[in-house]
Amino acid sequence: KCLRPPYGAINSEVRGWADAGGYPIALWDVDTLDWKRGPAQQIA
């Protein structure tokens, strides 16, 4: 029920379109960098 924009890339248009669709923008505080496929303990 929310929108996590890839790369955290948003602008006023995206924010407006998300609002119009009823999707709150969800950003993050901690990027685990898990997409780099490091060891589990490093990600944790």
Full PDB file with SEQRES, HELIX, SHEET, SSBOND, CRYST1, ORIGX, SCALE, CONECT and MASTER records, all heavy atoms in Angstrom:
SEQRES   1 A   44  LYS CYS LEU ARG PRO PRO TYR GLY ALA ILE ASN SER GLU          
SEQRES   2 A   44  VAL ARG GLY TRP ALA ASP ALA GLY GLY TYR PRO ILE ALA          
SEQRES   3 A   44  LEU TRP ASP VAL ASP THR LEU ASP TRP LYS ARG GLY PRO          
SEQRES   4 A   44  ALA GLN GLN ILE ALA                                          
HELIX    1 AA1 PRO A    6  GLY A    8  5                                   3    
HELIX    2 AA2 SER A   12  GLY A   21  1                                  10    
HELIX    3 AA3 ASP A   34  LYS A   36  5                                   3    
HELIX    4 AA4 ALA A   40  ILE A   43  1                                   4    
CRYST1    1.000    1.000    1.000  90.00  90.00  90.00 P 1           1          
ORIGX1      1.000000  0.000000  0.000000        0.00000                         
ORIGX2      0.000000  1.000000  0.000000        0.00000                         
ORIGX3      0.000000  0.000000  1.000000        0.00000                         
SCALE1      1.000000  0.000000  0.000000        0.00000                         
SCALE2      0.000000  1.000000  0.000000        0.00000                         
SCALE3      0.000000  0.000000  1.000000        0.00000                         
ATOM      1  N   LYS A   1       0.824  -1.194   0.000  1.00  0.00           N  
ATOM      2  CA  LYS A   1       0.000   0.000   0.000  1.00  0.00           C  
ATOM      3  C   LYS A   1       0.868   1.257   0.000  1.00  0.00           C  
ATOM      4  O   LYS A   1       0.396   2.354   0.213  1.00  0.00           O  
ATOM      5  CB  LYS A   1      -0.930  -0.013   1.209  1.00  0.00           C  
ATOM      6  CG  LYS A   1      -1.960  -1.129   1.120  1.00  0.00           C  
ATOM      7  CD  LYS A   1      -2.833  -1.146   2.365  1.00  0.00           C  
ATOM      8  CE  LYS A   1      -3.904  -2.190   2.283  1.00  0.00           C  
ATOM      9  NZ  LYS A   1      -3.439  -3.553   2.300  1.00  0.00           N  
ATOM     10  N   CYS A   2       2.174   1.077  -0.202  1.00  0.00           N  
ATOM     11  CA  CYS A   2       3.070   2.209  -0.293  1.00  0.00           C  
ATOM     12  C   CYS A   2       4.014   2.020  -1.480  1.00  0.00           C  
ATOM     13  O   CYS A   2       4.032   0.961  -2.104  1.00  0.00           O  
ATOM     14  CB  CYS A   2       3.857   2.418   1.003  1.00  0.00           C  
ATOM     15  SG  CYS A   2       4.863   1.028   1.516  1.00  0.00           S  
ATOM     16  N   LEU A   3       4.774   3.032  -1.780  1.00  0.00           N  
ATOM     17  CA  LEU A   3       5.661   3.017  -2.934  1.00  0.00           C  
ATOM     18  C   LEU A   3       7.083   3.276  -2.479  1.00  0.00           C  
ATOM     19  O   LEU A   3       7.368   4.310  -1.870  1.00  0.00           O  
ATOM     20  CB  LEU A   3       5.223   4.100  -3.928  1.00  0.00           C  
ATOM     21  CG  LEU A   3       6.137   4.326  -5.115  1.00  0.00           C  
ATOM     22  CD1 LEU A   3       6.120   3.116  -6.052  1.00  0.00           C  
ATOM     23  CD2 LEU A   3       5.708   5.572  -5.871  1.00  0.00           C  
ATOM     24  N   ARG A   4       7.967   2.327  -2.749  1.00  0.00           N  
ATOM     25  CA  ARG A   4       9.386   2.521  -2.501  1.00  0.00           C  
ATOM     26  C   ARG A   4      10.025   2.794  -3.851  1.00  0.00           C  
ATOM     27  O   ARG A   4      10.209   1.892  -4.657  1.00  0.00           O  
ATOM     28  CB  ARG A   4      10.026   1.302  -1.853  1.00  0.00           C  
ATOM     29  CG  ARG A   4      11.386   1.662  -1.309  1.00  0.00           C  
ATOM     30  CD  ARG A   4      12.611   0.900  -1.603  1.00  0.00           C  
ATOM     31  NE  ARG A   4      12.658  -0.229  -2.441  1.00  0.00           N  
ATOM     32  CZ  ARG A   4      13.475  -0.298  -3.482  1.00  0.00           C  
ATOM     33  NH1 ARG A   4      14.219   0.718  -3.867  1.00  0.00           N  
ATOM     34  NH2 ARG A   4      13.537  -1.402  -4.188  1.00  0.00           N  
ATOM     35  N   PRO A   5      10.336   4.056  -4.137  1.00  0.00           N  
ATOM     36  CA  PRO A   5      10.898   4.366  -5.445  1.00  0.00           C  
ATOM     37  C   PRO A   5      12.306   3.786  -5.587  1.00  0.00           C  
ATOM     38  O   PRO A   5      13.137   3.971  -4.694  1.00  0.00           O  
ATOM     39  CB  PRO A   5      10.918   5.892  -5.476  1.00  0.00           C  
ATOM     40  CG  PRO A   5      10.838   6.333  -4.065  1.00  0.00           C  
ATOM     41  CD  PRO A   5      10.190   5.236  -3.289  1.00  0.00           C  
ATOM     42  N   PRO A   6      12.547   3.068  -6.679  1.00  0.00           N  
ATOM     43  CA  PRO A   6      13.897   2.536  -6.893  1.00  0.00           C  
ATOM     44  C   PRO A   6      14.948   3.641  -6.777  1.00  0.00           C  
ATOM     45  O   PRO A   6      14.734   4.769  -7.242  1.00  0.00           O  
ATOM     46  CB  PRO A   6      13.832   1.976  -8.311  1.00  0.00           C  
ATOM     47  CG  PRO A   6      12.388   1.600  -8.489  1.00  0.00           C  
ATOM     48  CD  PRO A   6      11.637   2.687  -7.762  1.00  0.00           C  
ATOM     49  N   TYR A   7      16.048   3.311  -6.111  1.00  0.00           N  
ATOM     50  CA  TYR A   7      17.163   4.234  -5.882  1.00  0.00           C  
ATOM     51  C   TYR A   7      16.787   5.408  -4.968  1.00  0.00           C  
ATOM     52  O   TYR A   7      17.589   6.311  -4.766  1.00  0.00           O  
ATOM     53  CB  TYR A   7      17.720   4.789  -7.212  1.00  0.00           C  
ATOM     54  CG  TYR A   7      17.911   3.734  -8.259  1.00  0.00           C  
ATOM     55  CD1 TYR A   7      17.048   3.651  -9.337  1.00  0.00           C  
ATOM     56  CD2 TYR A   7      18.930   2.790  -8.146  1.00  0.00           C  
ATOM     57  CE1 TYR A   7      17.193   2.672 -10.301  1.00  0.00           C  
ATOM     58  CE2 TYR A   7      19.090   1.799  -9.106  1.00  0.00           C  
ATOM     59  CZ  TYR A   7      18.224   1.742 -10.183  1.00  0.00           C  
ATOM     60  OH  TYR A   7      18.377   0.756 -11.131  1.00  0.00           O  
ATOM     61  N   GLY A   8      15.567   5.424  -4.477  1.00  0.00           N  
ATOM     62  CA  GLY A   8      15.099   6.547  -3.677  1.00  0.00           C  
ATOM     63  C   GLY A   8      14.871   7.796  -4.522  1.00  0.00           C  
ATOM     64  O   GLY A   8      14.750   8.891  -3.999  1.00  0.00           O  
ATOM     65  N   ALA A   9      14.789   7.599  -5.832  1.00  0.00           N  
ATOM     66  CA  ALA A   9      14.669   8.721  -6.761  1.00  0.00           C  
ATOM     67  C   ALA A   9      13.221   9.201  -6.830  1.00  0.00           C  
ATOM     68  O   ALA A   9      12.344   8.479  -7.307  1.00  0.00           O  
ATOM     69  CB  ALA A   9      15.152   8.308  -8.150  1.00  0.00           C  
ATOM     70  N   ILE A  10      12.991  10.399  -6.310  1.00  0.00           N  
ATOM     71  CA  ILE A  10      11.666  11.002  -6.386  1.00  0.00           C  
ATOM     72  C   ILE A  10      11.824  12.470  -6.775  1.00  0.00           C  
ATOM     73  O   ILE A  10      12.887  13.065  -6.590  1.00  0.00           O  
ATOM     74  CB  ILE A  10      10.884  10.894  -5.060  1.00  0.00           C  
ATOM     75  CG1 ILE A  10      11.676  11.504  -3.911  1.00  0.00           C  
ATOM     76  CG2 ILE A  10      10.498   9.467  -4.762  1.00  0.00           C  
ATOM     77  CD1 ILE A  10      10.913  11.589  -2.622  1.00  0.00           C  
ATOM     78  N   ASN A  11      10.774  13.004  -7.307  1.00  0.00           N  
ATOM     79  CA  ASN A  11      10.692  14.434  -7.578  1.00  0.00           C  
ATOM     80  C   ASN A  11       9.247  14.846  -7.323  1.00  0.00           C  
ATOM     81  O   ASN A  11       8.434  14.016  -6.894  1.00  0.00           O  
ATOM     82  CB  ASN A  11      11.167  14.768  -9.002  1.00  0.00           C  
ATOM     83  CG  ASN A  11      10.382  14.055 -10.076  1.00  0.00           C  
ATOM     84  OD1 ASN A  11       9.243  13.605  -9.864  1.00  0.00           O  
ATOM     85  ND2 ASN A  11      10.971  13.938 -11.262  1.00  0.00           N  
ATOM     86  N   SER A  12       8.916  16.085  -7.574  1.00  0.00           N  
ATOM     87  CA  SER A  12       7.566  16.548  -7.265  1.00  0.00           C  
ATOM     88  C   SER A  12       6.520  15.822  -8.108  1.00  0.00           C  
ATOM     89  O   SER A  12       5.416  15.556  -7.621  1.00  0.00           O  
ATOM     90  CB  SER A  12       7.456  18.059  -7.446  1.00  0.00           C  
ATOM     91  OG  SER A  12       7.761  18.427  -8.773  1.00  0.00           O  
ATOM     92  N   GLU A  13       6.839  15.482  -9.360  1.00  0.00           N  
ATOM     93  CA  GLU A  13       5.871  14.760 -10.192  1.00  0.00           C  
ATOM     94  C   GLU A  13       5.596  13.373  -9.623  1.00  0.00           C  
ATOM     95  O   GLU A  13       4.444  12.973  -9.482  1.00  0.00           O  
ATOM     96  CB  GLU A  13       6.377  14.635 -11.627  1.00  0.00           C  
ATOM     97  CG  GLU A  13       6.215  15.881 -12.437  1.00  0.00           C  
ATOM     98  CD  GLU A  13       6.599  15.670 -13.888  1.00  0.00           C  
ATOM     99  OE1 GLU A  13       7.585  14.963 -14.168  1.00  0.00           O  
ATOM    100  OE2 GLU A  13       5.880  16.218 -14.739  1.00  0.00           O  
ATOM    101  N   VAL A  14       6.647  12.623  -9.321  1.00  0.00           N  
ATOM    102  CA  VAL A  14       6.477  11.271  -8.772  1.00  0.00           C  
ATOM    103  C   VAL A  14       5.713  11.330  -7.461  1.00  0.00           C  
ATOM    104  O   VAL A  14       4.805  10.540  -7.225  1.00  0.00           O  
ATOM    105  CB  VAL A  14       7.840  10.559  -8.601  1.00  0.00           C  
ATOM    106  CG1 VAL A  14       7.702   9.282  -7.791  1.00  0.00           C  
ATOM    107  CG2 VAL A  14       8.477  10.277  -9.958  1.00  0.00           C  
ATOM    108  N   ARG A  15       6.063  12.284  -6.611  1.00  0.00           N  
ATOM    109  CA  ARG A  15       5.354  12.423  -5.330  1.00  0.00           C  
ATOM    110  C   ARG A  15       3.872  12.710  -5.572  1.00  0.00           C  
ATOM    111  O   ARG A  15       3.000  12.122  -4.940  1.00  0.00           O  
ATOM    112  CB  ARG A  15       5.982  13.530  -4.489  1.00  0.00           C  
ATOM    113  CG  ARG A  15       5.436  13.582  -3.076  1.00  0.00           C  
ATOM    114  CD  ARG A  15       6.205  14.547  -2.196  1.00  0.00           C  
ATOM    115  NE  ARG A  15       7.602  14.221  -2.015  1.00  0.00           N  
ATOM    116  CZ  ARG A  15       8.071  13.274  -1.193  1.00  0.00           C  
ATOM    117  NH1 ARG A  15       7.229  12.541  -0.493  1.00  0.00           N  
ATOM    118  NH2 ARG A  15       9.358  13.059  -1.075  1.00  0.00           N  
ATOM    119  N   GLY A  16       3.567  13.570  -6.515  1.00  0.00           N  
ATOM    120  CA  GLY A  16       2.172  13.886  -6.831  1.00  0.00           C  
ATOM    121  C   GLY A  16       1.422  12.695  -7.402  1.00  0.00           C  
ATOM    122  O   GLY A  16       0.268  12.442  -7.044  1.00  0.00           O  
ATOM    123  N   TRP A  17       2.062  11.964  -8.301  1.00  0.00           N  
ATOM    124  CA  TRP A  17       1.421  10.789  -8.893  1.00  0.00           C  
ATOM    125  C   TRP A  17       1.175   9.726  -7.831  1.00  0.00           C  
ATOM    126  O   TRP A  17       0.134   9.077  -7.825  1.00  0.00           O  
ATOM    127  CB  TRP A  17       2.271  10.217 -10.021  1.00  0.00           C  
ATOM    128  CG  TRP A  17       2.480  11.137 -11.187  1.00  0.00           C  
ATOM    129  CD1 TRP A  17       1.700  12.203 -11.548  1.00  0.00           C  
ATOM    130  CD2 TRP A  17       3.535  11.069 -12.133  1.00  0.00           C  
ATOM    131  NE1 TRP A  17       2.218  12.796 -12.675  1.00  0.00           N  
ATOM    132  CE2 TRP A  17       3.337  12.127 -13.061  1.00  0.00           C  
ATOM    133  CE3 TRP A  17       4.632  10.231 -12.305  1.00  0.00           C  
ATOM    134  CZ2 TRP A  17       4.196  12.353 -14.136  1.00  0.00           C  
ATOM    135  CZ3 TRP A  17       5.489  10.457 -13.373  1.00  0.00           C  
ATOM    136  CH2 TRP A  17       5.268  11.500 -14.274  1.00  0.00           C  
ATOM    137  N   ALA A  18       2.152   9.526  -6.946  1.00  0.00           N  
ATOM    138  CA  ALA A  18       1.991   8.541  -5.865  1.00  0.00           C  
ATOM    139  C   ALA A  18       0.844   8.963  -4.946  1.00  0.00           C  
ATOM    140  O   ALA A  18      -0.002   8.137  -4.576  1.00  0.00           O  
ATOM    141  CB  ALA A  18       3.292   8.400  -5.088  1.00  0.00           C  
ATOM    142  N   ASP A  19       0.797  10.244  -4.596  1.00  0.00           N  
ATOM    143  CA  ASP A  19      -0.291  10.758  -3.746  1.00  0.00           C  
ATOM    144  C   ASP A  19      -1.642  10.536  -4.415  1.00  0.00           C  
ATOM    145  O   ASP A  19      -2.597  10.094  -3.777  1.00  0.00           O  
ATOM    146  CB  ASP A  19      -0.108  12.243  -3.452  1.00  0.00           C  
ATOM    147  CG  ASP A  19       0.999  12.534  -2.457  1.00  0.00           C  
ATOM    148  OD1 ASP A  19       1.475  11.590  -1.780  1.00  0.00           O  
ATOM    149  OD2 ASP A  19       1.398  13.713  -2.365  1.00  0.00           O  
ATOM    150  N   ALA A  20      -1.718  10.833  -5.712  1.00  0.00           N  
ATOM    151  CA  ALA A  20      -2.977  10.675  -6.454  1.00  0.00           C  
ATOM    152  C   ALA A  20      -3.429   9.224  -6.478  1.00  0.00           C  
ATOM    153  O   ALA A  20      -4.626   8.933  -6.477  1.00  0.00           O  
ATOM    154  CB  ALA A  20      -2.826  11.202  -7.877  1.00  0.00           C  
ATOM    155  N   GLY A  21      -2.483   8.295  -6.476  1.00  0.00           N  
ATOM    156  CA  GLY A  21      -2.813   6.876  -6.483  1.00  0.00           C  
ATOM    157  C   GLY A  21      -3.024   6.300  -5.093  1.00  0.00           C  
ATOM    158  O   GLY A  21      -3.322   5.114  -4.934  1.00  0.00           O  
ATOM    159  N   GLY A  22      -2.822   7.128  -4.056  1.00  0.00           N  
ATOM    160  CA  GLY A  22      -2.992   6.653  -2.685  1.00  0.00           C  
ATOM    161  C   GLY A  22      -1.811   5.857  -2.166  1.00  0.00           C  
ATOM    162  O   GLY A  22      -1.960   5.027  -1.274  1.00  0.00           O  
ATOM    163  N   TYR A  23      -0.618   6.118  -2.714  1.00  0.00           N  
ATOM    164  CA  TYR A  23       0.585   5.399  -2.302  1.00  0.00           C  
ATOM    165  C   TYR A  23       1.530   6.326  -1.545  1.00  0.00           C  
ATOM    166  O   TYR A  23       2.218   7.142  -2.158  1.00  0.00           O  
ATOM    167  CB  TYR A  23       1.330   4.826  -3.514  1.00  0.00           C  
ATOM    168  CG  TYR A  23       0.580   3.750  -4.221  1.00  0.00           C  
ATOM    169  CD1 TYR A  23      -0.128   4.012  -5.392  1.00  0.00           C  
ATOM    170  CD2 TYR A  23       0.572   2.461  -3.721  1.00  0.00           C  
ATOM    171  CE1 TYR A  23      -0.820   3.013  -6.046  1.00  0.00           C  
ATOM    172  CE2 TYR A  23      -0.120   1.452  -4.371  1.00  0.00           C  
ATOM    173  CZ  TYR A  23      -0.809   1.738  -5.526  1.00  0.00           C  
ATOM    174  OH  TYR A  23      -1.503   0.756  -6.163  1.00  0.00           O  
ATOM    175  N   PRO A  24       1.598   6.204  -0.219  1.00  0.00           N  
ATOM    176  CA  PRO A  24       2.606   6.974   0.511  1.00  0.00           C  
ATOM    177  C   PRO A  24       4.003   6.555   0.053  1.00  0.00           C  
ATOM    178  O   PRO A  24       4.243   5.373  -0.233  1.00  0.00           O  
ATOM    179  CB  PRO A  24       2.390   6.587   1.971  1.00  0.00           C  
ATOM    180  CG  PRO A  24       1.088   5.869   2.022  1.00  0.00           C  
ATOM    181  CD  PRO A  24       0.804   5.357   0.653  1.00  0.00           C  
ATOM    182  N   ILE A  25       4.909   7.504  -0.029  1.00  0.00           N  
ATOM    183  CA  ILE A  25       6.294   7.208  -0.394  1.00  0.00           C  
ATOM    184  C   ILE A  25       7.002   6.600   0.818  1.00  0.00           C  
ATOM    185  O   ILE A  25       6.923   7.138   1.931  1.00  0.00           O  
ATOM    186  CB  ILE A  25       7.041   8.481  -0.831  1.00  0.00           C  
ATOM    187  CG1 ILE A  25       6.369   9.121  -2.053  1.00  0.00           C  
ATOM    188  CG2 ILE A  25       8.516   8.198  -1.079  1.00  0.00           C  
ATOM    189  CD1 ILE A  25       6.578   8.417  -3.350  1.00  0.00           C  
ATOM    190  N   ALA A  26       7.687   5.493   0.615  1.00  0.00           N  
ATOM    191  CA  ALA A  26       8.437   4.823   1.675  1.00  0.00           C  
ATOM    192  C   ALA A  26       9.919   4.837   1.312  1.00  0.00           C  
ATOM    193  O   ALA A  26      10.335   4.208   0.340  1.00  0.00           O  
ATOM    194  CB  ALA A  26       7.943   3.387   1.837  1.00  0.00           C  
ATOM    195  N   LEU A  27      10.685   5.577   2.081  1.00  0.00           N  
ATOM    196  CA  LEU A  27      12.128   5.596   1.901  1.00  0.00           C  
ATOM    197  C   LEU A  27      12.771   4.846   3.064  1.00  0.00           C  
ATOM    198  O   LEU A  27      12.073   4.283   3.901  1.00  0.00           O  
ATOM    199  CB  LEU A  27      12.630   7.039   1.798  1.00  0.00           C  
ATOM    200  CG  LEU A  27      12.096   7.805   0.592  1.00  0.00           C  
ATOM    201  CD1 LEU A  27      12.555   9.266   0.632  1.00  0.00           C  
ATOM    202  CD2 LEU A  27      12.502   7.158  -0.720  1.00  0.00           C  
ATOM    203  N   TRP A  28      14.058   4.816   3.143  1.00  0.00           N  
ATOM    204  CA  TRP A  28      14.745   4.015   4.146  1.00  0.00           C  
ATOM    205  C   TRP A  28      15.817   4.828   4.835  1.00  0.00           C  
ATOM    206  O   TRP A  28      16.295   5.839   4.340  1.00  0.00           O  
ATOM    207  CB  TRP A  28      15.348   2.753   3.522  1.00  0.00           C  
ATOM    208  CG  TRP A  28      16.284   3.071   2.386  1.00  0.00           C  
ATOM    209  CD1 TRP A  28      17.637   3.247   2.463  1.00  0.00           C  
ATOM    210  CD2 TRP A  28      15.933   3.274   1.020  1.00  0.00           C  
ATOM    211  NE1 TRP A  28      18.142   3.554   1.227  1.00  0.00           N  
ATOM    212  CE2 TRP A  28      17.112   3.579   0.315  1.00  0.00           C  
ATOM    213  CE3 TRP A  28      14.735   3.233   0.318  1.00  0.00           C  
ATOM    214  CZ2 TRP A  28      17.138   3.837  -1.044  1.00  0.00           C  
ATOM    215  CZ3 TRP A  28      14.754   3.489  -1.045  1.00  0.00           C  
ATOM    216  CH2 TRP A  28      15.943   3.771  -1.715  1.00  0.00           C  
ATOM    217  N   ASP A  29      16.211   4.318   6.027  1.00  0.00           N  
ATOM    218  CA  ASP A  29      17.278   4.925   6.818  1.00  0.00           C  
ATOM    219  C   ASP A  29      18.571   4.131   6.714  1.00  0.00           C  
ATOM    220  O   ASP A  29      19.653   4.687   6.823  1.00  0.00           O  
ATOM    221  CB  ASP A  29      16.868   4.989   8.300  1.00  0.00           C  
ATOM    222  CG  ASP A  29      15.588   5.758   8.498  1.00  0.00           C  
ATOM    223  OD1 ASP A  29      15.575   6.969   8.217  1.00  0.00           O  
ATOM    224  OD2 ASP A  29      14.581   5.142   8.910  1.00  0.00           O  
ATOM    225  N   VAL A  30      18.434   2.811   6.552  1.00  0.00           N  
ATOM    226  CA  VAL A  30      19.589   1.922   6.510  1.00  0.00           C  
ATOM    227  C   VAL A  30      19.551   1.126   5.213  1.00  0.00           C  
ATOM    228  O   VAL A  30      18.584   0.417   4.938  1.00  0.00           O  
ATOM    229  CB  VAL A  30      19.575   0.928   7.705  1.00  0.00           C  
ATOM    230  CG1 VAL A  30      20.755  -0.032   7.629  1.00  0.00           C  
ATOM    231  CG2 VAL A  30      19.568   1.678   9.022  1.00  0.00           C  
ATOM    232  N   ASP A  31      20.602   1.275   4.426  1.00  0.00           N  
ATOM    233  CA  ASP A  31      20.755   0.477   3.208  1.00  0.00           C  
ATOM    234  C   ASP A  31      21.744  -0.636   3.525  1.00  0.00           C  
ATOM    235  O   ASP A  31      22.914  -0.373   3.805  1.00  0.00           O  
ATOM    236  CB  ASP A  31      21.274   1.340   2.063  1.00  0.00           C  
ATOM    237  CG  ASP A  31      21.347   0.600   0.734  1.00  0.00           C  
ATOM    238  OD1 ASP A  31      21.143  -0.642   0.713  1.00  0.00           O  
ATOM    239  OD2 ASP A  31      21.604   1.259  -0.287  1.00  0.00           O  
ATOM    240  N   THR A  32      21.270  -1.868   3.510  1.00  0.00           N  
ATOM    241  CA  THR A  32      22.121  -3.006   3.852  1.00  0.00           C  
ATOM    242  C   THR A  32      23.114  -3.353   2.749  1.00  0.00           C  
ATOM    243  O   THR A  32      24.012  -4.159   2.972  1.00  0.00           O  
ATOM    244  CB  THR A  32      21.270  -4.255   4.127  1.00  0.00           C  
ATOM    245  OG1 THR A  32      20.561  -4.596   2.932  1.00  0.00           O  
ATOM    246  CG2 THR A  32      20.315  -4.029   5.284  1.00  0.00           C  
ATOM    247  N   LEU A  33      22.923  -2.778   1.577  1.00  0.00           N  
ATOM    248  CA  LEU A  33      23.765  -3.082   0.412  1.00  0.00           C  
ATOM    249  C   LEU A  33      23.740  -4.571   0.065  1.00  0.00           C  
ATOM    250  O   LEU A  33      24.693  -5.111  -0.498  1.00  0.00           O  
ATOM    251  CB  LEU A  33      25.207  -2.596   0.624  1.00  0.00           C  
ATOM    252  CG  LEU A  33      25.366  -1.106   0.961  1.00  0.00           C  
ATOM    253  CD1 LEU A  33      26.827  -0.766   1.217  1.00  0.00           C  
ATOM    254  CD2 LEU A  33      24.802  -0.231  -0.154  1.00  0.00           C  
ATOM    255  N   ASP A  34      22.632  -5.233   0.422  1.00  0.00           N  
ATOM    256  CA  ASP A  34      22.522  -6.671   0.175  1.00  0.00           C  
ATOM    257  C   ASP A  34      22.562  -7.007  -1.314  1.00  0.00           C  
ATOM    258  O   ASP A  34      22.906  -8.121  -1.695  1.00  0.00           O  
ATOM    259  CB  ASP A  34      21.271  -7.256   0.836  1.00  0.00           C  
ATOM    260  CG  ASP A  34      19.983  -6.690   0.277  1.00  0.00           C  
ATOM    261  OD1 ASP A  34      19.947  -5.505  -0.109  1.00  0.00           O  
ATOM    262  OD2 ASP A  34      18.998  -7.434   0.247  1.00  0.00           O  
ATOM    263  N   TRP A  35      22.257  -6.039  -2.164  1.00  0.00           N  
ATOM    264  CA  TRP A  35      22.300  -6.273  -3.606  1.00  0.00           C  
ATOM    265  C   TRP A  35      23.718  -6.572  -4.088  1.00  0.00           C  
ATOM    266  O   TRP A  35      23.911  -7.151  -5.150  1.00  0.00           O  
ATOM    267  CB  TRP A  35      21.707  -5.070  -4.365  1.00  0.00           C  
ATOM    268  CG  TRP A  35      22.351  -3.770  -4.019  1.00  0.00           C  
ATOM    269  CD1 TRP A  35      21.978  -2.912  -3.018  1.00  0.00           C  
ATOM    270  CD2 TRP A  35      23.492  -3.185  -4.634  1.00  0.00           C  
ATOM    271  NE1 TRP A  35      22.821  -1.822  -2.978  1.00  0.00           N  
ATOM    272  CE2 TRP A  35      23.761  -1.964  -3.970  1.00  0.00           C  
ATOM    273  CE3 TRP A  35      24.319  -3.574  -5.684  1.00  0.00           C  
ATOM    274  CZ2 TRP A  35      24.825  -1.142  -4.321  1.00  0.00           C  
ATOM    275  CZ3 TRP A  35      25.368  -2.737  -6.038  1.00  0.00           C  
ATOM    276  CH2 TRP A  35      25.613  -1.541  -5.360  1.00  0.00           C  
ATOM    277  N   LYS A  36      24.713  -6.249  -3.266  1.00  0.00           N  
ATOM    278  CA  LYS A  36      26.107  -6.577  -3.613  1.00  0.00           C  
ATOM    279  C   LYS A  36      26.430  -8.045  -3.315  1.00  0.00           C  
ATOM    280  O   LYS A  36      27.509  -8.510  -3.630  1.00  0.00           O  
ATOM    281  CB  LYS A  36      27.074  -5.684  -2.840  1.00  0.00           C  
ATOM    282  CG  LYS A  36      27.039  -4.238  -3.273  1.00  0.00           C  
ATOM    283  CD  LYS A  36      28.088  -3.443  -2.525  1.00  0.00           C  
ATOM    284  CE  LYS A  36      28.148  -2.017  -3.001  1.00  0.00           C  
ATOM    285  NZ  LYS A  36      29.215  -1.251  -2.319  1.00  0.00           N  
ATOM    286  N   ARG A  37      25.472  -8.729  -2.671  1.00  0.00           N  
ATOM    287  CA  ARG A  37      25.585 -10.144  -2.355  1.00  0.00           C  
ATOM    288  C   ARG A  37      26.762 -10.487  -1.425  1.00  0.00           C  
ATOM    289  O   ARG A  37      27.439 -11.493  -1.601  1.00  0.00           O  
ATOM    290  CB  ARG A  37      25.648 -10.977  -3.624  1.00  0.00           C  
ATOM    291  CG  ARG A  37      24.461 -10.770  -4.522  1.00  0.00           C  
ATOM    292  CD  ARG A  37      24.422 -11.819  -5.618  1.00  0.00           C  
ATOM    293  NE  ARG A  37      23.606 -11.466  -6.738  1.00  0.00           N  
ATOM    294  CZ  ARG A  37      22.287 -11.353  -6.744  1.00  0.00           C  
ATOM    295  NH1 ARG A  37      21.620 -11.556  -5.653  1.00  0.00           N  
ATOM    296  NH2 ARG A  37      21.638 -11.040  -7.838  1.00  0.00           N  
ATOM    297  N   GLY A  38      26.959  -9.622  -0.428  1.00  0.00           N  
ATOM    298  CA  GLY A  38      27.984  -9.899   0.563  1.00  0.00           C  
ATOM    299  C   GLY A  38      27.551 -11.014   1.502  1.00  0.00           C  
ATOM    300  O   GLY A  38      26.414 -11.508   1.423  1.00  0.00           O  
ATOM    301  N   PRO A  39      28.432 -11.411   2.415  1.00  0.00           N  
ATOM    302  CA  PRO A  39      28.085 -12.459   3.385  1.00  0.00           C  
ATOM    303  C   PRO A  39      26.924 -12.027   4.281  1.00  0.00           C  
ATOM    304  O   PRO A  39      26.763 -10.836   4.571  1.00  0.00           O  
ATOM    305  CB  PRO A  39      29.362 -12.629   4.206  1.00  0.00           C  
ATOM    306  CG  PRO A  39      30.441 -11.925   3.466  1.00  0.00           C  
ATOM    307  CD  PRO A  39      29.788 -10.916   2.569  1.00  0.00           C  
ATOM    308  N   ALA A  40      26.168 -12.992   4.747  1.00  0.00           N  
ATOM    309  CA  ALA A  40      24.992 -12.712   5.577  1.00  0.00           C  
ATOM    310  C   ALA A  40      25.347 -11.876   6.797  1.00  0.00           C  
ATOM    311  O   ALA A  40      24.633 -10.927   7.129  1.00  0.00           O  
ATOM    312  CB  ALA A  40      24.310 -14.014   5.994  1.00  0.00           C  
ATOM    313  N   GLN A  41      26.429 -12.198   7.481  1.00  0.00           N  
ATOM    314  CA  GLN A  41      26.789 -11.457   8.695  1.00  0.00           C  
ATOM    315  C   GLN A  41      27.107 -10.000   8.369  1.00  0.00           C  
ATOM    316  O   GLN A  41      26.741  -9.092   9.111  1.00  0.00           O  
ATOM    317  CB  GLN A  41      27.968 -12.109   9.418  1.00  0.00           C  
ATOM    318  CG  GLN A  41      28.239 -11.504  10.792  1.00  0.00           C  
ATOM    319  CD  GLN A  41      27.079 -11.710  11.762  1.00  0.00           C  
ATOM    320  OE1 GLN A  41      26.632 -12.818  11.994  1.00  0.00           O  
ATOM    321  NE2 GLN A  41      26.584 -10.612  12.343  1.00  0.00           N  
ATOM    322  N   GLN A  42      27.749  -9.765   7.257  1.00  0.00           N  
ATOM    323  CA  GLN A  42      28.067  -8.394   6.841  1.00  0.00           C  
ATOM    324  C   GLN A  42      26.787  -7.594   6.584  1.00  0.00           C  
ATOM    325  O   GLN A  42      26.679  -6.435   6.991  1.00  0.00           O  
ATOM    326  CB  GLN A  42      28.926  -8.435   5.581  1.00  0.00           C  
ATOM    327  CG  GLN A  42      29.284  -7.081   5.026  1.00  0.00           C  
ATOM    328  CD  GLN A  42      30.098  -7.199   3.745  1.00  0.00           C  
ATOM    329  OE1 GLN A  42      30.830  -8.160   3.545  1.00  0.00           O  
ATOM    330  NE2 GLN A  42      29.948  -6.223   2.879  1.00  0.00           N  
ATOM    331  N   ILE A  43      25.828  -8.229   5.928  1.00  0.00           N  
ATOM    332  CA  ILE A  43      24.536  -7.578   5.669  1.00  0.00           C  
ATOM    333  C   ILE A  43      23.836  -7.278   6.998  1.00  0.00           C  
ATOM    334  O   ILE A  43      23.344  -6.170   7.226  1.00  0.00           O  
ATOM    335  CB  ILE A  43      23.653  -8.455   4.766  1.00  0.00           C  
ATOM    336  CG1 ILE A  43      24.303  -8.616   3.380  1.00  0.00           C  
ATOM    337  CG2 ILE A  43      22.245  -7.885   4.653  1.00  0.00           C  
ATOM    338  CD1 ILE A  43      23.659  -9.695   2.519  1.00  0.00           C  
ATOM    339  N   ALA A  44      23.813  -8.263   7.881  1.00  0.00           N  
ATOM    340  CA  ALA A  44      23.159  -8.102   9.181  1.00  0.00           C  
ATOM    341  C   ALA A  44      23.812  -6.998  10.004  1.00  0.00           C  
ATOM    342  O   ALA A  44      23.121  -6.211  10.656  1.00  0.00           O  
ATOM    343  CB  ALA A  44      23.182  -9.422   9.947  1.00  0.00           C  
TER     344      ALA A  44                                                      
MASTER        0    0    0    4    0    0    0    6  343    1    0    4          
END                                                                             
